Amino acid sequence: MTYMRHLCTLVLCAAIGLLAGCAGPRLVESDVSSFSTLTTLPSPPTYRIERLPSQQAHEATFAPIQAQAEAALARVGLRRDDANPRLIAQLGAEGGYATPRYWSNYGPDPFYGRWGWGWGYGGRWGWGMNWMMDSPPTLYHRRVSLVLRDAASQQVVYETSAVYEDVWTSDPAIYGVLFDQALTDFPRPPQGPRKLRTELTPQP
């Protein structure tokens, strides 16, 4: 009984500490992988987005993702021009969560169990937490990708992606940060994988 009381106290203290930090800055650390054959910003620096059939069929869920991607592309000097594109852009985004398989008895792989995929586009910042001993915090997974092709030759000239996993979620903000990270150092990023960190302050 004494052991369980101490254990519950530790868990409660950890939960209070996390909740107290919710209002402060949040570090978004992602795994970014980029490949580019570009040496300079294309001229003109224009692009058109080419939607996949699945994205066209889910307009309501894809539109917020596209808006975040367009904002990130604008920040690196590219502008959307459907009539005169120099580049063709294809976007990708995934969202899901993981639930532990052996949490209650502390078996192997405590944090990586079954993945479940879904979408959420709330406008608030939030935590997915449950401090019951048999119900650990859910680990959320977010991934974005971007492929740029030369509009004339159809050759891929830029490919990048960013992956982020944490217990903290806010879909519109997280996807925007990930597109920014995926486009870091455009048009000549370091080739291959790297880790990038962005400090983000949640909105009240």
N, C-alpha and C. Protein backbone atom coordinates (compact mmCIF):
# COMPACT_ATOMS: atom_id res chain seq x y z
N MET A 1 0.83 -1.21 0.00
CA MET A 1 0.00 0.00 0.00
C MET A 1 0.87 1.26 0.00
N THR A 2 1.94 1.23 0.83
CA THR A 2 2.82 2.40 0.88
C THR A 2 3.46 2.65 -0.48
N TYR A 3 3.87 1.57 -1.13
CA TYR A 3 4.47 1.69 -2.46
C TYR A 3 3.50 2.32 -3.45
N MET A 4 2.24 1.87 -3.42
CA MET A 4 1.24 2.40 -4.35
C MET A 4 0.96 3.87 -4.07
N ARG A 5 0.95 4.26 -2.76
CA ARG A 5 0.73 5.68 -2.44
C ARG A 5 1.85 6.53 -2.98
N HIS A 6 3.10 6.06 -2.84
CA HIS A 6 4.23 6.81 -3.36
C HIS A 6 4.17 6.91 -4.88
N LEU A 7 3.79 5.80 -5.51
CA LEU A 7 3.71 5.79 -6.97
C LEU A 7 2.64 6.74 -7.48
N CYS A 8 1.49 6.74 -6.83
CA CYS A 8 0.41 7.64 -7.22
C CYS A 8 0.81 9.10 -7.02
N THR A 9 1.56 9.37 -5.95
CA THR A 9 2.02 10.74 -5.68
C THR A 9 2.96 11.20 -6.79
N LEU A 10 3.87 10.31 -7.21
CA LEU A 10 4.80 10.67 -8.28
C LEU A 10 4.06 10.96 -9.58
N VAL A 11 3.09 10.14 -9.90
CA VAL A 11 2.31 10.34 -11.13
C VAL A 11 1.54 11.64 -11.08
N LEU A 12 0.95 11.93 -9.91
CA LEU A 12 0.19 13.18 -9.77
C LEU A 12 1.10 14.38 -9.91
N CYS A 13 2.29 14.31 -9.33
CA CYS A 13 3.24 15.43 -9.43
C CYS A 13 3.66 15.65 -10.88
N ALA A 14 3.87 14.55 -11.59
CA ALA A 14 4.26 14.67 -13.00
C ALA A 14 3.15 15.32 -13.81
N ALA A 15 1.91 14.92 -13.54
CA ALA A 15 0.76 15.50 -14.27
C ALA A 15 0.64 16.99 -13.98
N ILE A 16 0.81 17.38 -12.70
CA ILE A 16 0.71 18.80 -12.35
C ILE A 16 1.80 19.59 -13.03
N GLY A 17 3.02 19.02 -13.07
CA GLY A 17 4.12 19.71 -13.73
C GLY A 17 3.87 19.93 -15.20
N LEU A 18 3.33 18.93 -15.88
CA LEU A 18 3.02 19.06 -17.30
C LEU A 18 1.94 20.09 -17.55
N LEU A 19 0.90 20.05 -16.72
CA LEU A 19 -0.19 21.01 -16.89
C LEU A 19 0.29 22.43 -16.65
N ALA A 20 1.20 22.60 -15.70
CA ALA A 20 1.72 23.94 -15.41
C ALA A 20 2.52 24.48 -16.57
N GLY A 21 3.11 23.58 -17.36
CA GLY A 21 3.92 24.03 -18.49
C GLY A 21 3.15 24.23 -19.76
N CYS A 22 1.86 23.94 -19.75
CA CYS A 22 1.07 24.03 -20.98
C CYS A 22 1.03 25.44 -21.54
N ALA A 23 1.06 26.46 -20.66
CA ALA A 23 0.92 27.83 -21.13
C ALA A 23 2.23 28.38 -21.67
N GLY A 24 3.36 27.70 -21.42
CA GLY A 24 4.65 28.17 -21.86
C GLY A 24 4.98 27.74 -23.28
N PRO A 25 6.17 28.15 -23.75
CA PRO A 25 6.59 27.75 -25.10
C PRO A 25 6.71 26.24 -25.22
N ARG A 26 6.45 25.75 -26.43
CA ARG A 26 6.50 24.33 -26.70
C ARG A 26 7.53 24.07 -27.79
N LEU A 27 8.39 23.08 -27.59
CA LEU A 27 9.41 22.76 -28.57
C LEU A 27 8.91 21.69 -29.52
N VAL A 28 8.85 22.03 -30.80
CA VAL A 28 8.46 21.08 -31.83
C VAL A 28 9.74 20.60 -32.50
N GLU A 29 10.10 19.35 -32.25
CA GLU A 29 11.30 18.75 -32.83
C GLU A 29 10.89 17.68 -33.82
N SER A 30 11.30 17.85 -35.06
CA SER A 30 10.88 16.90 -36.10
C SER A 30 12.07 16.33 -36.83
N ASP A 31 11.83 15.19 -37.46
CA ASP A 31 12.81 14.56 -38.34
C ASP A 31 12.51 15.00 -39.77
N VAL A 32 13.43 15.75 -40.35
CA VAL A 32 13.26 16.30 -41.69
C VAL A 32 14.21 15.61 -42.65
N SER A 33 13.72 15.29 -43.82
CA SER A 33 14.55 14.70 -44.87
C SER A 33 14.30 15.45 -46.17
N SER A 34 15.35 16.03 -46.76
CA SER A 34 15.19 16.87 -47.94
C SER A 34 16.19 16.48 -49.03
N PHE A 35 15.75 16.60 -50.28
CA PHE A 35 16.61 16.36 -51.44
C PHE A 35 16.25 17.40 -52.50
N SER A 36 17.28 18.01 -53.10
CA SER A 36 17.03 19.08 -54.06
C SER A 36 18.05 19.07 -55.19
N THR A 37 17.57 19.36 -56.39
CA THR A 37 18.47 19.58 -57.52
C THR A 37 18.50 21.05 -57.90
N LEU A 38 17.77 21.88 -57.15
CA LEU A 38 17.75 23.31 -57.42
C LEU A 38 19.00 23.98 -56.88
N THR A 39 19.47 24.99 -57.57
CA THR A 39 20.60 25.78 -57.08
C THR A 39 20.18 27.20 -56.71
N THR A 40 19.10 27.66 -57.32
CA THR A 40 18.58 29.00 -57.03
C THR A 40 17.06 28.94 -57.01
N LEU A 41 16.46 30.02 -56.56
CA LEU A 41 15.01 30.13 -56.60
C LEU A 41 14.55 30.12 -58.05
N PRO A 42 13.57 29.31 -58.42
CA PRO A 42 13.11 29.26 -59.82
C PRO A 42 12.63 30.63 -60.30
N SER A 43 12.75 30.85 -61.60
CA SER A 43 12.30 32.11 -62.19
C SER A 43 11.35 31.80 -63.36
N PRO A 44 10.09 32.26 -63.25
CA PRO A 44 9.50 32.96 -62.10
C PRO A 44 9.27 31.98 -60.93
N PRO A 45 9.22 32.49 -59.70
CA PRO A 45 9.06 31.62 -58.53
C PRO A 45 7.60 31.26 -58.27
N THR A 46 7.00 30.61 -59.27
CA THR A 46 5.57 30.34 -59.21
C THR A 46 5.31 28.83 -59.17
N TYR A 47 4.15 28.47 -58.66
CA TYR A 47 3.79 27.05 -58.59
C TYR A 47 2.28 26.89 -58.69
N ARG A 48 1.89 25.69 -59.03
CA ARG A 48 0.50 25.27 -59.00
C ARG A 48 0.39 24.00 -58.19
N ILE A 49 -0.64 23.89 -57.36
CA ILE A 49 -0.83 22.69 -56.55
C ILE A 49 -1.62 21.66 -57.35
N GLU A 50 -1.09 20.46 -57.39
CA GLU A 50 -1.76 19.35 -58.05
C GLU A 50 -2.31 18.42 -56.98
N ARG A 51 -3.60 18.35 -56.86
CA ARG A 51 -4.23 17.53 -55.83
C ARG A 51 -4.41 16.09 -56.29
N LEU A 52 -4.19 15.19 -55.37
CA LEU A 52 -4.47 13.78 -55.62
C LEU A 52 -5.98 13.55 -55.55
N PRO A 53 -6.48 12.48 -56.18
CA PRO A 53 -7.92 12.22 -56.13
C PRO A 53 -8.47 12.14 -54.70
N SER A 54 -7.72 11.53 -53.78
CA SER A 54 -8.19 11.43 -52.39
C SER A 54 -8.29 12.79 -51.74
N GLN A 55 -7.40 13.71 -52.10
CA GLN A 55 -7.45 15.06 -51.55
C GLN A 55 -8.63 15.84 -52.12
N GLN A 56 -8.93 15.61 -53.37
CA GLN A 56 -10.08 16.26 -53.98
C GLN A 56 -11.39 15.77 -53.36
N ALA A 57 -11.39 14.50 -52.96
CA ALA A 57 -12.61 13.92 -52.39
C ALA A 57 -12.85 14.34 -50.95
N HIS A 58 -11.83 14.92 -50.30
CA HIS A 58 -11.95 15.32 -48.90
C HIS A 58 -11.56 16.79 -48.75
N GLU A 59 -12.27 17.63 -49.46
CA GLU A 59 -11.99 19.06 -49.50
C GLU A 59 -11.98 19.68 -48.12
N ALA A 60 -12.95 19.34 -47.30
CA ALA A 60 -13.08 19.99 -45.99
C ALA A 60 -11.88 19.70 -45.10
N THR A 61 -11.32 18.51 -45.18
CA THR A 61 -10.19 18.17 -44.33
C THR A 61 -8.85 18.57 -44.94
N PHE A 62 -8.78 18.62 -46.27
CA PHE A 62 -7.51 18.95 -46.91
C PHE A 62 -7.28 20.46 -47.01
N ALA A 63 -8.33 21.25 -47.09
CA ALA A 63 -8.18 22.70 -47.27
C ALA A 63 -7.34 23.35 -46.18
N PRO A 64 -7.53 23.04 -44.87
CA PRO A 64 -6.67 23.65 -43.85
C PRO A 64 -5.20 23.27 -44.01
N ILE A 65 -4.94 22.04 -44.43
CA ILE A 65 -3.57 21.60 -44.66
C ILE A 65 -2.95 22.39 -45.81
N GLN A 66 -3.70 22.54 -46.90
CA GLN A 66 -3.18 23.27 -48.06
C GLN A 66 -2.89 24.73 -47.70
N ALA A 67 -3.75 25.33 -46.90
CA ALA A 67 -3.52 26.72 -46.50
C ALA A 67 -2.21 26.87 -45.73
N GLN A 68 -1.91 25.91 -44.84
CA GLN A 68 -0.66 25.97 -44.10
C GLN A 68 0.54 25.79 -45.04
N ALA A 69 0.39 24.90 -46.01
CA ALA A 69 1.49 24.68 -46.96
C ALA A 69 1.73 25.91 -47.83
N GLU A 70 0.67 26.55 -48.31
CA GLU A 70 0.82 27.75 -49.13
C GLU A 70 1.51 28.87 -48.36
N ALA A 71 1.18 29.01 -47.08
CA ALA A 71 1.82 30.03 -46.25
C ALA A 71 3.31 29.74 -46.10
N ALA A 72 3.66 28.47 -45.91
CA ALA A 72 5.06 28.10 -45.78
C ALA A 72 5.82 28.32 -47.09
N LEU A 73 5.19 27.98 -48.21
CA LEU A 73 5.82 28.21 -49.52
C LEU A 73 6.05 29.70 -49.77
N ALA A 74 5.10 30.53 -49.36
CA ALA A 74 5.25 31.97 -49.53
C ALA A 74 6.44 32.50 -48.72
N ARG A 75 6.67 31.93 -47.55
CA ARG A 75 7.76 32.39 -46.69
C ARG A 75 9.14 32.07 -47.27
N VAL A 76 9.22 31.12 -48.21
CA VAL A 76 10.52 30.84 -48.84
C VAL A 76 10.60 31.47 -50.24
N GLY A 77 9.64 32.34 -50.58
CA GLY A 77 9.73 33.10 -51.82
C GLY A 77 8.95 32.56 -53.00
N LEU A 78 8.13 31.53 -52.78
CA LEU A 78 7.32 30.99 -53.88
C LEU A 78 5.90 31.52 -53.79
N ARG A 79 5.28 31.75 -54.92
CA ARG A 79 3.90 32.23 -54.92
C ARG A 79 3.05 31.35 -55.84
N ARG A 80 1.81 31.19 -55.44
CA ARG A 80 0.90 30.36 -56.24
C ARG A 80 0.41 31.14 -57.46
N ASP A 81 0.52 30.50 -58.62
CA ASP A 81 0.05 31.09 -59.86
C ASP A 81 -0.41 29.94 -60.76
N ASP A 82 -1.70 29.63 -60.70
CA ASP A 82 -2.22 28.48 -61.45
C ASP A 82 -2.13 28.68 -62.96
N ALA A 83 -2.10 29.93 -63.42
CA ALA A 83 -2.08 30.19 -64.86
C ALA A 83 -0.67 30.11 -65.44
N ASN A 84 0.35 30.43 -64.64
CA ASN A 84 1.72 30.44 -65.15
C ASN A 84 2.67 29.82 -64.13
N PRO A 85 2.54 28.52 -63.87
CA PRO A 85 3.39 27.89 -62.84
C PRO A 85 4.75 27.47 -63.40
N ARG A 86 5.78 27.75 -62.65
CA ARG A 86 7.11 27.23 -63.00
C ARG A 86 7.30 25.85 -62.39
N LEU A 87 6.58 25.60 -61.27
CA LEU A 87 6.68 24.33 -60.56
C LEU A 87 5.30 23.74 -60.33
N ILE A 88 5.24 22.43 -60.20
CA ILE A 88 4.02 21.73 -59.80
C ILE A 88 4.27 21.16 -58.40
N ALA A 89 3.39 21.48 -57.47
CA ALA A 89 3.55 21.05 -56.09
C ALA A 89 2.54 19.97 -55.73
N GLN A 90 3.01 18.90 -55.10
CA GLN A 90 2.15 17.86 -54.56
C GLN A 90 2.38 17.81 -53.05
N LEU A 91 1.30 17.91 -52.29
CA LEU A 91 1.36 17.94 -50.84
C LEU A 91 0.89 16.63 -50.25
N GLY A 92 1.39 16.32 -49.08
CA GLY A 92 0.93 15.15 -48.35
C GLY A 92 0.89 15.46 -46.87
N ALA A 93 -0.06 14.85 -46.16
CA ALA A 93 -0.15 15.03 -44.71
C ALA A 93 -0.80 13.81 -44.10
N GLU A 94 -0.30 13.41 -42.93
CA GLU A 94 -0.84 12.27 -42.21
C GLU A 94 -1.01 12.64 -40.74
N GLY A 95 -1.97 12.01 -40.12
CA GLY A 95 -2.18 12.22 -38.69
C GLY A 95 -2.67 10.94 -38.05
N GLY A 96 -2.15 10.62 -36.87
CA GLY A 96 -2.58 9.41 -36.20
C GLY A 96 -2.15 9.39 -34.75
N TYR A 97 -2.33 8.26 -34.10
CA TYR A 97 -1.99 8.14 -32.69
C TYR A 97 -1.56 6.71 -32.40
N ALA A 98 -0.80 6.54 -31.32
CA ALA A 98 -0.35 5.23 -30.90
C ALA A 98 -0.82 4.95 -29.49
N THR A 99 -1.20 3.72 -29.22
CA THR A 99 -1.58 3.31 -27.87
C THR A 99 -0.66 2.20 -27.41
N PRO A 100 -0.15 2.27 -26.19
CA PRO A 100 0.76 1.24 -25.69
C PRO A 100 0.09 -0.11 -25.63
N ARG A 101 0.88 -1.15 -25.81
CA ARG A 101 0.35 -2.50 -25.83
C ARG A 101 0.49 -3.18 -24.47
N TYR A 102 1.55 -2.84 -23.72
CA TYR A 102 1.81 -3.56 -22.49
C TYR A 102 1.99 -2.60 -21.31
N TRP A 103 1.21 -1.54 -21.27
CA TRP A 103 1.42 -0.53 -20.24
C TRP A 103 1.16 -1.06 -18.84
N SER A 104 0.07 -1.82 -18.63
CA SER A 104 -0.34 -2.19 -17.28
C SER A 104 0.68 -3.09 -16.59
N ASN A 105 1.40 -3.93 -17.36
CA ASN A 105 2.38 -4.80 -16.71
C ASN A 105 3.81 -4.48 -17.11
N TYR A 106 4.01 -3.27 -17.72
CA TYR A 106 5.33 -2.78 -18.06
C TYR A 106 6.11 -3.78 -18.93
N GLY A 107 5.43 -4.32 -19.89
CA GLY A 107 6.06 -5.27 -20.80
C GLY A 107 6.91 -4.56 -21.83
N PRO A 108 7.38 -5.29 -22.84
CA PRO A 108 8.23 -4.67 -23.87
C PRO A 108 7.49 -3.65 -24.70
N ASP A 109 8.27 -2.73 -25.29
CA ASP A 109 7.71 -1.68 -26.16
C ASP A 109 6.57 -0.93 -25.49
N PRO A 110 6.81 -0.28 -24.33
CA PRO A 110 5.70 0.35 -23.60
C PRO A 110 5.04 1.49 -24.34
N PHE A 111 5.75 2.18 -25.24
CA PHE A 111 5.17 3.35 -25.88
C PHE A 111 4.77 3.11 -27.33
N TYR A 112 5.08 1.95 -27.89
CA TYR A 112 4.75 1.73 -29.29
C TYR A 112 3.91 0.47 -29.43
N GLY A 113 2.64 0.69 -29.67
CA GLY A 113 1.73 -0.42 -29.85
C GLY A 113 0.99 -0.26 -31.16
N ARG A 114 -0.28 -0.25 -31.09
CA ARG A 114 -1.13 -0.17 -32.27
C ARG A 114 -1.27 1.28 -32.72
N TRP A 115 -1.12 1.51 -34.04
CA TRP A 115 -1.35 2.85 -34.59
C TRP A 115 -2.79 2.96 -35.08
N GLY A 116 -3.40 4.09 -34.79
CA GLY A 116 -4.72 4.37 -35.32
C GLY A 116 -4.68 5.71 -36.02
N TRP A 117 -5.27 5.77 -37.21
CA TRP A 117 -5.16 7.00 -38.00
C TRP A 117 -6.47 7.78 -38.00
N GLY A 118 -6.34 9.09 -37.95
CA GLY A 118 -7.53 9.92 -37.97
C GLY A 118 -7.14 11.37 -38.16
N TRP A 119 -8.14 12.21 -38.29
CA TRP A 119 -7.90 13.64 -38.51
C TRP A 119 -8.58 14.45 -37.43
N GLY A 120 -7.99 15.60 -37.11
CA GLY A 120 -8.62 16.52 -36.18
C GLY A 120 -8.18 17.93 -36.52
N TYR A 121 -9.11 18.84 -36.70
CA TYR A 121 -8.76 20.21 -37.10
C TYR A 121 -9.35 21.23 -36.16
N GLY A 122 -9.17 21.01 -34.85
CA GLY A 122 -9.64 21.98 -33.88
C GLY A 122 -8.77 23.22 -33.90
N GLY A 123 -9.32 24.33 -33.47
CA GLY A 123 -8.58 25.58 -33.46
C GLY A 123 -7.91 25.88 -32.14
N ARG A 124 -7.90 24.96 -31.20
CA ARG A 124 -7.30 25.21 -29.90
C ARG A 124 -6.09 24.32 -29.70
N TRP A 125 -5.25 24.79 -28.78
CA TRP A 125 -4.14 23.98 -28.33
C TRP A 125 -4.64 23.05 -27.24
N GLY A 126 -4.07 21.87 -27.15
CA GLY A 126 -4.54 20.95 -26.12
C GLY A 126 -3.58 19.83 -25.87
N TRP A 127 -3.83 19.13 -24.79
CA TRP A 127 -3.05 17.95 -24.44
C TRP A 127 -3.96 16.74 -24.49
N GLY A 128 -3.43 15.63 -25.00
CA GLY A 128 -4.13 14.37 -24.90
C GLY A 128 -3.53 13.60 -23.75
N MET A 129 -4.16 13.62 -22.56
CA MET A 129 -3.54 13.01 -21.39
C MET A 129 -4.55 12.18 -20.60
N ASN A 130 -4.05 11.13 -20.05
CA ASN A 130 -4.84 10.34 -19.11
C ASN A 130 -3.86 9.67 -18.16
N TRP A 131 -3.92 10.05 -16.90
CA TRP A 131 -2.91 9.60 -15.96
C TRP A 131 -3.35 8.39 -15.16
N MET A 132 -4.36 7.66 -15.60
CA MET A 132 -4.67 6.37 -15.02
C MET A 132 -3.49 5.42 -15.30
N MET A 133 -3.18 4.55 -14.33
CA MET A 133 -2.03 3.68 -14.49
C MET A 133 -2.18 2.72 -15.67
N ASP A 134 -3.41 2.37 -16.01
CA ASP A 134 -3.59 1.46 -17.12
C ASP A 134 -3.95 2.20 -18.41
N SER A 135 -3.88 3.55 -18.40
CA SER A 135 -4.20 4.34 -19.59
C SER A 135 -3.19 5.47 -19.73
N PRO A 136 -2.04 5.21 -20.34
CA PRO A 136 -0.99 6.23 -20.47
C PRO A 136 -1.37 7.30 -21.48
N PRO A 137 -0.63 8.43 -21.52
CA PRO A 137 -0.90 9.46 -22.52
C PRO A 137 -0.78 8.90 -23.93
N THR A 138 -1.64 9.36 -24.81
CA THR A 138 -1.61 8.93 -26.21
C THR A 138 -0.48 9.65 -26.94
N LEU A 139 0.27 8.91 -27.74
CA LEU A 139 1.34 9.50 -28.53
C LEU A 139 0.80 9.80 -29.93
N TYR A 140 0.82 11.08 -30.31
CA TYR A 140 0.29 11.50 -31.60
C TYR A 140 1.41 11.61 -32.64
N HIS A 141 1.07 11.29 -33.86
CA HIS A 141 2.01 11.27 -34.97
C HIS A 141 1.51 12.23 -36.06
N ARG A 142 2.42 13.09 -36.54
CA ARG A 142 2.08 14.00 -37.63
C ARG A 142 3.20 13.96 -38.66
N ARG A 143 2.83 13.94 -39.92
CA ARG A 143 3.83 13.93 -41.00
C ARG A 143 3.33 14.76 -42.17
N VAL A 144 4.23 15.57 -42.75
CA VAL A 144 3.91 16.31 -43.97
C VAL A 144 4.97 15.98 -45.02
N SER A 145 4.61 16.12 -46.27
CA SER A 145 5.56 15.92 -47.35
C SER A 145 5.26 16.90 -48.48
N LEU A 146 6.28 17.19 -49.26
CA LEU A 146 6.14 18.12 -50.38
C LEU A 146 7.07 17.67 -51.50
N VAL A 147 6.51 17.57 -52.69
CA VAL A 147 7.28 17.25 -53.90
C VAL A 147 7.05 18.36 -54.90
N LEU A 148 8.15 18.92 -55.45
CA LEU A 148 8.07 19.95 -56.48
C LEU A 148 8.64 19.40 -57.77
N ARG A 149 7.87 19.54 -58.85
CA ARG A 149 8.31 19.11 -60.17
C ARG A 149 8.42 20.32 -61.09
N ASP A 150 9.36 20.25 -62.02
CA ASP A 150 9.45 21.26 -63.06
C ASP A 150 8.23 21.14 -63.96
N ALA A 151 7.51 22.23 -64.15
CA ALA A 151 6.25 22.18 -64.90
C ALA A 151 6.47 21.80 -66.36
N ALA A 152 7.62 22.15 -66.93
CA ALA A 152 7.87 21.86 -68.34
C ALA A 152 8.36 20.43 -68.55
N SER A 153 9.30 19.99 -67.74
CA SER A 153 9.90 18.66 -67.94
C SER A 153 9.27 17.57 -67.11
N GLN A 154 8.50 17.96 -66.07
CA GLN A 154 7.89 17.03 -65.12
C GLN A 154 8.92 16.30 -64.26
N GLN A 155 10.15 16.75 -64.26
CA GLN A 155 11.19 16.16 -63.42
C GLN A 155 11.07 16.68 -61.98
N VAL A 156 11.23 15.78 -61.02
CA VAL A 156 11.21 16.19 -59.61
C VAL A 156 12.48 16.97 -59.31
N VAL A 157 12.31 18.19 -58.77
CA VAL A 157 13.46 19.03 -58.45
C VAL A 157 13.61 19.26 -56.95
N TYR A 158 12.57 18.91 -56.19
CA TYR A 158 12.65 19.12 -54.74
C TYR A 158 11.73 18.12 -54.05
N GLU A 159 12.25 17.46 -53.02
CA GLU A 159 11.46 16.49 -52.25
C GLU A 159 11.82 16.65 -50.78
N THR A 160 10.80 16.77 -49.94
CA THR A 160 11.08 16.98 -48.52
C THR A 160 9.92 16.44 -47.68
N SER A 161 10.23 16.12 -46.42
CA SER A 161 9.20 15.66 -45.49
C SER A 161 9.63 15.99 -44.07
N ALA A 162 8.66 16.04 -43.16
CA ALA A 162 8.92 16.29 -41.75
C ALA A 162 7.97 15.44 -40.92
N VAL A 163 8.51 14.78 -39.88
CA VAL A 163 7.73 13.89 -39.02
C VAL A 163 7.89 14.34 -37.57
N TYR A 164 6.77 14.38 -36.86
CA TYR A 164 6.77 14.83 -35.46
C TYR A 164 5.88 13.92 -34.64
N GLU A 165 6.36 13.51 -33.45
CA GLU A 165 5.58 12.68 -32.55
C GLU A 165 5.68 13.23 -31.13
N ASP A 166 4.51 13.35 -30.48
CA ASP A 166 4.48 13.86 -29.11
C ASP A 166 3.08 13.63 -28.54
N VAL A 167 2.93 13.95 -27.24
CA VAL A 167 1.61 13.84 -26.61
C VAL A 167 0.82 15.13 -26.77
N TRP A 168 1.44 16.14 -27.36
CA TRP A 168 0.80 17.45 -27.51
C TRP A 168 0.28 17.61 -28.92
N THR A 169 -0.95 18.10 -29.06
CA THR A 169 -1.52 18.22 -30.41
C THR A 169 -2.25 19.55 -30.60
N SER A 170 -2.14 20.09 -31.78
CA SER A 170 -2.96 21.19 -32.27
C SER A 170 -2.77 21.19 -33.78
N ASP A 171 -3.63 20.52 -34.49
CA ASP A 171 -3.36 20.19 -35.87
C ASP A 171 -3.01 21.36 -36.79
N PRO A 172 -3.82 22.42 -36.85
CA PRO A 172 -3.46 23.48 -37.78
C PRO A 172 -2.08 24.07 -37.51
N ALA A 173 -1.77 24.32 -36.24
CA ALA A 173 -0.47 24.91 -35.91
C ALA A 173 0.66 23.93 -36.18
N ILE A 174 0.50 22.67 -35.80
CA ILE A 174 1.55 21.69 -35.97
C ILE A 174 1.87 21.47 -37.45
N TYR A 175 0.87 21.36 -38.29
CA TYR A 175 1.12 21.15 -39.71
C TYR A 175 1.83 22.36 -40.32
N GLY A 176 1.48 23.55 -39.90
CA GLY A 176 2.16 24.73 -40.40
C GLY A 176 3.63 24.74 -40.03
N VAL A 177 3.93 24.39 -38.78
CA VAL A 177 5.33 24.33 -38.32
C VAL A 177 6.09 23.27 -39.11
N LEU A 178 5.46 22.12 -39.34
CA LEU A 178 6.14 21.05 -40.06
C LEU A 178 6.44 21.44 -41.51
N PHE A 179 5.52 22.14 -42.18
CA PHE A 179 5.82 22.59 -43.54
C PHE A 179 6.97 23.60 -43.52
N ASP A 180 6.99 24.49 -42.53
CA ASP A 180 8.10 25.44 -42.41
C ASP A 180 9.42 24.70 -42.22
N GLN A 181 9.41 23.69 -41.35
CA GLN A 181 10.64 22.93 -41.11
C GLN A 181 11.05 22.15 -42.35
N ALA A 182 10.09 21.58 -43.06
CA ALA A 182 10.41 20.82 -44.27
C ALA A 182 11.02 21.70 -45.36
N LEU A 183 10.70 23.00 -45.34
CA LEU A 183 11.21 23.93 -46.35
C LEU A 183 12.40 24.76 -45.86
N THR A 184 12.93 24.43 -44.70
CA THR A 184 14.08 25.15 -44.18
C THR A 184 15.27 25.04 -45.14
N ASP A 185 15.91 26.18 -45.41
CA ASP A 185 17.08 26.29 -46.31
C ASP A 185 16.73 26.07 -47.77
N PHE A 186 15.44 26.17 -48.13
CA PHE A 186 15.05 26.10 -49.54
C PHE A 186 15.73 27.24 -50.29
N PRO A 187 16.25 27.02 -51.51
CA PRO A 187 16.12 25.81 -52.34
C PRO A 187 17.31 24.86 -52.24
N ARG A 188 18.28 25.14 -51.31
CA ARG A 188 19.48 24.31 -51.23
C ARG A 188 19.65 23.78 -49.81
N PRO A 189 18.82 22.88 -49.38
CA PRO A 189 18.94 22.34 -48.03
C PRO A 189 20.06 21.30 -47.96
N PRO A 190 20.53 20.99 -46.75
CA PRO A 190 21.43 19.83 -46.62
C PRO A 190 20.70 18.58 -47.11
N GLN A 191 21.38 17.77 -47.89
CA GLN A 191 20.75 16.58 -48.46
C GLN A 191 20.61 15.49 -47.40
N GLY A 192 19.43 14.88 -47.34
CA GLY A 192 19.23 13.77 -46.43
C GLY A 192 18.55 14.17 -45.13
N PRO A 193 18.61 13.28 -44.13
CA PRO A 193 17.88 13.51 -42.87
C PRO A 193 18.60 14.46 -41.91
N ARG A 194 17.82 15.15 -41.10
CA ARG A 194 18.33 16.02 -40.03
C ARG A 194 17.20 16.28 -39.05
N LYS A 195 17.54 16.78 -37.89
CA LYS A 195 16.55 17.15 -36.88
C LYS A 195 16.45 18.67 -36.81
N LEU A 196 15.21 19.17 -36.76
CA LEU A 196 14.99 20.61 -36.65
C LEU A 196 14.08 20.89 -35.46
N ARG A 197 14.32 22.02 -34.80
CA ARG A 197 13.55 22.39 -33.63
C ARG A 197 12.95 23.78 -33.78
N THR A 198 11.71 23.92 -33.42
CA THR A 198 11.01 25.20 -33.46
C THR A 198 10.31 25.42 -32.14
N GLU A 199 10.53 26.57 -31.52
CA GLU A 199 9.84 26.89 -30.27
C GLU A 199 8.55 27.62 -30.60
N LEU A 200 7.46 27.11 -30.08
CA LEU A 200 6.13 27.64 -30.41
C LEU A 200 5.38 27.94 -29.13
N THR A 201 4.77 29.10 -29.04
CA THR A 201 4.00 29.49 -27.87
C THR A 201 2.52 29.25 -28.13
N PRO A 202 1.87 28.38 -27.35
CA PRO A 202 0.43 28.13 -27.53
C PRO A 202 -0.39 29.40 -27.35
N GLN A 203 -1.45 29.51 -28.12
CA GLN A 203 -2.36 30.63 -28.00
C GLN A 203 -3.39 30.32 -26.92
N PRO A 204 -3.81 31.34 -26.15
CA PRO A 204 -4.80 31.08 -25.08
C PRO A 204 -6.15 30.69 -25.65
